[in-house]
Amino acid sequence: MVITGAASDIGEAAVRLYAERGHRAAAVDVAEEGLARLAGPDGVATLGGDVAAEQTKPGAGRAGWWGTMR
């Protein structure tokens, strides 16, 4: 699951909920400093960037599929 706006509020809560339930989540946000709080749980891949930007889309897709980016 790719979750945008993951560095705060509802996005962060969604990432934590997915991780707590054993699912993989790709946390994507332009606020990279907020993503640092999500880097610990297993199954959470973080990617700083804007999903509307072409250069971010391939990384977000790989993170969501494989869960390997941190």
N, C-alpha and C. Protein backbone atom coordinates (compact mmCIF):
# COMPACT_ATOMS: atom_id res chain seq x y z
N MET A 1 0.85 -1.17 0.00
CA MET A 1 0.00 0.00 0.00
C MET A 1 0.90 1.24 0.00
N VAL A 2 0.69 2.13 -0.93
CA VAL A 2 1.40 3.40 -0.96
C VAL A 2 0.51 4.43 -0.27
N ILE A 3 1.03 5.06 0.77
CA ILE A 3 0.28 6.06 1.53
C ILE A 3 0.98 7.40 1.36
N THR A 4 0.28 8.35 0.75
CA THR A 4 0.83 9.69 0.55
C THR A 4 0.45 10.58 1.73
N GLY A 5 1.21 11.64 1.90
CA GLY A 5 0.95 12.52 3.04
C GLY A 5 1.22 11.79 4.35
N ALA A 6 2.19 10.89 4.32
CA ALA A 6 2.42 9.96 5.43
C ALA A 6 3.19 10.54 6.60
N ALA A 7 3.71 11.74 6.47
CA ALA A 7 4.56 12.29 7.53
C ALA A 7 3.78 12.91 8.68
N SER A 8 2.46 13.01 8.56
CA SER A 8 1.69 13.63 9.64
C SER A 8 0.23 13.22 9.59
N ASP A 9 -0.45 13.46 10.68
CA ASP A 9 -1.90 13.34 10.80
C ASP A 9 -2.44 11.99 10.32
N ILE A 10 -3.45 12.03 9.46
CA ILE A 10 -4.13 10.81 9.03
C ILE A 10 -3.18 9.88 8.27
N GLY A 11 -2.31 10.45 7.45
CA GLY A 11 -1.36 9.62 6.70
C GLY A 11 -0.45 8.84 7.62
N GLU A 12 0.08 9.50 8.64
CA GLU A 12 0.96 8.82 9.61
C GLU A 12 0.19 7.75 10.37
N ALA A 13 -1.03 8.06 10.77
CA ALA A 13 -1.85 7.08 11.49
C ALA A 13 -2.13 5.86 10.62
N ALA A 14 -2.38 6.09 9.33
CA ALA A 14 -2.65 4.97 8.42
C ALA A 14 -1.43 4.07 8.29
N VAL A 15 -0.24 4.67 8.15
CA VAL A 15 0.98 3.88 8.05
C VAL A 15 1.18 3.05 9.30
N ARG A 16 1.02 3.66 10.46
CA ARG A 16 1.21 2.93 11.72
C ARG A 16 0.19 1.79 11.87
N LEU A 17 -1.04 2.03 11.48
CA LEU A 17 -2.08 1.01 11.57
C LEU A 17 -1.75 -0.17 10.66
N TYR A 18 -1.36 0.10 9.43
CA TYR A 18 -0.97 -0.97 8.51
C TYR A 18 0.18 -1.78 9.10
N ALA A 19 1.21 -1.10 9.61
CA ALA A 19 2.37 -1.79 10.17
C ALA A 19 1.98 -2.63 11.39
N GLU A 20 1.16 -2.08 12.26
CA GLU A 20 0.72 -2.81 13.46
C GLU A 20 -0.03 -4.09 13.10
N ARG A 21 -0.73 -4.06 11.98
CA ARG A 21 -1.51 -5.22 11.56
C ARG A 21 -0.74 -6.17 10.65
N GLY A 22 0.57 -5.90 10.51
CA GLY A 22 1.43 -6.81 9.76
C GLY A 22 1.48 -6.59 8.27
N HIS A 23 0.97 -5.47 7.79
CA HIS A 23 0.99 -5.17 6.36
C HIS A 23 2.19 -4.29 6.02
N ARG A 24 2.63 -4.37 4.78
CA ARG A 24 3.69 -3.48 4.31
C ARG A 24 3.07 -2.18 3.83
N ALA A 25 3.77 -1.08 4.08
CA ALA A 25 3.28 0.22 3.64
C ALA A 25 4.46 1.04 3.14
N ALA A 26 4.24 1.75 2.05
CA ALA A 26 5.22 2.71 1.54
C ALA A 26 4.72 4.09 1.94
N ALA A 27 5.47 4.75 2.80
CA ALA A 27 5.12 6.07 3.31
C ALA A 27 5.82 7.12 2.45
N VAL A 28 5.04 7.95 1.77
CA VAL A 28 5.58 8.96 0.86
C VAL A 28 5.11 10.33 1.30
N ASP A 29 6.05 11.28 1.34
CA ASP A 29 5.69 12.65 1.71
C ASP A 29 6.82 13.58 1.30
N VAL A 30 6.48 14.85 1.06
CA VAL A 30 7.51 15.85 0.76
C VAL A 30 8.24 16.27 2.04
N ALA A 31 7.63 16.06 3.18
CA ALA A 31 8.23 16.43 4.47
C ALA A 31 9.08 15.27 4.98
N GLU A 32 10.29 15.17 4.46
CA GLU A 32 11.16 14.04 4.78
C GLU A 32 11.49 13.93 6.25
N GLU A 33 11.56 15.06 6.96
CA GLU A 33 11.88 15.01 8.39
C GLU A 33 10.78 14.27 9.16
N GLY A 34 9.54 14.38 8.74
CA GLY A 34 8.45 13.66 9.37
C GLY A 34 8.49 12.17 9.09
N LEU A 35 9.02 11.81 7.93
CA LEU A 35 9.12 10.39 7.58
C LEU A 35 10.10 9.65 8.48
N ALA A 36 11.05 10.36 9.05
CA ALA A 36 12.04 9.73 9.93
C ALA A 36 11.37 9.04 11.11
N ARG A 37 10.24 9.55 11.56
CA ARG A 37 9.51 8.93 12.68
C ARG A 37 8.93 7.57 12.29
N LEU A 38 8.77 7.33 11.00
CA LEU A 38 8.13 6.10 10.54
C LEU A 38 9.13 5.04 10.11
N ALA A 39 10.40 5.34 10.16
CA ALA A 39 11.41 4.43 9.61
C ALA A 39 11.63 3.18 10.45
N GLY A 40 11.14 3.12 11.67
CA GLY A 40 11.43 1.99 12.54
C GLY A 40 10.63 0.73 12.31
N PRO A 41 9.31 0.80 12.17
CA PRO A 41 8.53 -0.43 12.11
C PRO A 41 8.86 -1.30 10.91
N ASP A 42 8.90 -2.62 11.13
CA ASP A 42 9.09 -3.53 10.01
C ASP A 42 7.93 -3.38 9.04
N GLY A 43 8.24 -3.51 7.78
CA GLY A 43 7.20 -3.41 6.77
C GLY A 43 6.88 -2.01 6.31
N VAL A 44 7.61 -1.01 6.82
CA VAL A 44 7.39 0.37 6.40
C VAL A 44 8.59 0.84 5.59
N ALA A 45 8.33 1.22 4.35
CA ALA A 45 9.36 1.81 3.50
C ALA A 45 9.04 3.29 3.39
N THR A 46 10.05 4.14 3.49
CA THR A 46 9.82 5.58 3.41
C THR A 46 10.47 6.14 2.15
N LEU A 47 9.83 7.15 1.58
CA LEU A 47 10.34 7.81 0.38
C LEU A 47 9.94 9.27 0.43
N GLY A 48 10.94 10.14 0.43
CA GLY A 48 10.67 11.57 0.41
C GLY A 48 10.46 12.03 -1.02
N GLY A 49 9.39 12.77 -1.24
CA GLY A 49 9.14 13.30 -2.57
C GLY A 49 7.67 13.58 -2.78
N ASP A 50 7.40 14.20 -3.91
CA ASP A 50 6.05 14.56 -4.30
C ASP A 50 5.54 13.53 -5.31
N VAL A 51 4.48 12.81 -4.98
CA VAL A 51 4.00 11.76 -5.88
C VAL A 51 3.48 12.32 -7.20
N ALA A 52 3.25 13.61 -7.28
CA ALA A 52 2.84 14.23 -8.54
C ALA A 52 4.04 14.45 -9.46
N ALA A 53 5.24 14.38 -8.91
CA ALA A 53 6.46 14.59 -9.70
C ALA A 53 6.86 13.28 -10.39
N GLU A 54 7.16 13.35 -11.65
CA GLU A 54 7.51 12.16 -12.42
C GLU A 54 8.68 11.39 -11.81
N GLN A 55 9.67 12.08 -11.26
CA GLN A 55 10.85 11.39 -10.73
C GLN A 55 10.55 10.62 -9.45
N THR A 56 9.46 10.91 -8.78
CA THR A 56 9.10 10.22 -7.54
C THR A 56 8.27 8.97 -7.81
N LYS A 57 7.49 8.97 -8.85
CA LYS A 57 6.55 7.87 -9.11
C LYS A 57 7.20 6.49 -9.18
N PRO A 58 8.32 6.30 -9.90
CA PRO A 58 8.91 4.96 -9.93
C PRO A 58 9.35 4.48 -8.55
N GLY A 59 9.92 5.35 -7.75
CA GLY A 59 10.35 4.97 -6.41
C GLY A 59 9.18 4.62 -5.52
N ALA A 60 8.09 5.35 -5.63
CA ALA A 60 6.90 5.07 -4.82
C ALA A 60 6.31 3.72 -5.20
N GLY A 61 6.31 3.43 -6.48
CA GLY A 61 5.80 2.14 -6.93
C GLY A 61 6.64 0.99 -6.44
N ARG A 62 7.97 1.13 -6.53
CA ARG A 62 8.86 0.07 -6.05
C ARG A 62 8.73 -0.10 -4.55
N ALA A 63 8.64 1.00 -3.82
CA ALA A 63 8.51 0.92 -2.35
C ALA A 63 7.21 0.23 -1.96
N GLY A 64 6.15 0.53 -2.67
CA GLY A 64 4.87 -0.08 -2.35
C GLY A 64 4.82 -1.55 -2.67
N TRP A 65 5.46 -1.94 -3.77
CA TRP A 65 5.42 -3.33 -4.19
C TRP A 65 6.37 -4.19 -3.37
N TRP A 66 7.59 -3.75 -3.22
CA TRP A 66 8.61 -4.57 -2.57
C TRP A 66 8.83 -4.23 -1.11
N GLY A 67 8.52 -3.01 -0.72
CA GLY A 67 8.74 -2.61 0.67
C GLY A 67 10.21 -2.58 1.05
N THR A 68 11.06 -2.21 0.09
CA THR A 68 12.49 -2.28 0.35
C THR A 68 13.15 -0.93 0.51
N MET A 69 12.50 0.16 0.17
CA MET A 69 13.14 1.47 0.28
C MET A 69 13.03 2.00 1.69
N ARG A 70 14.07 2.63 2.16
CA ARG A 70 14.09 3.25 3.50
C ARG A 70 14.80 4.57 3.36
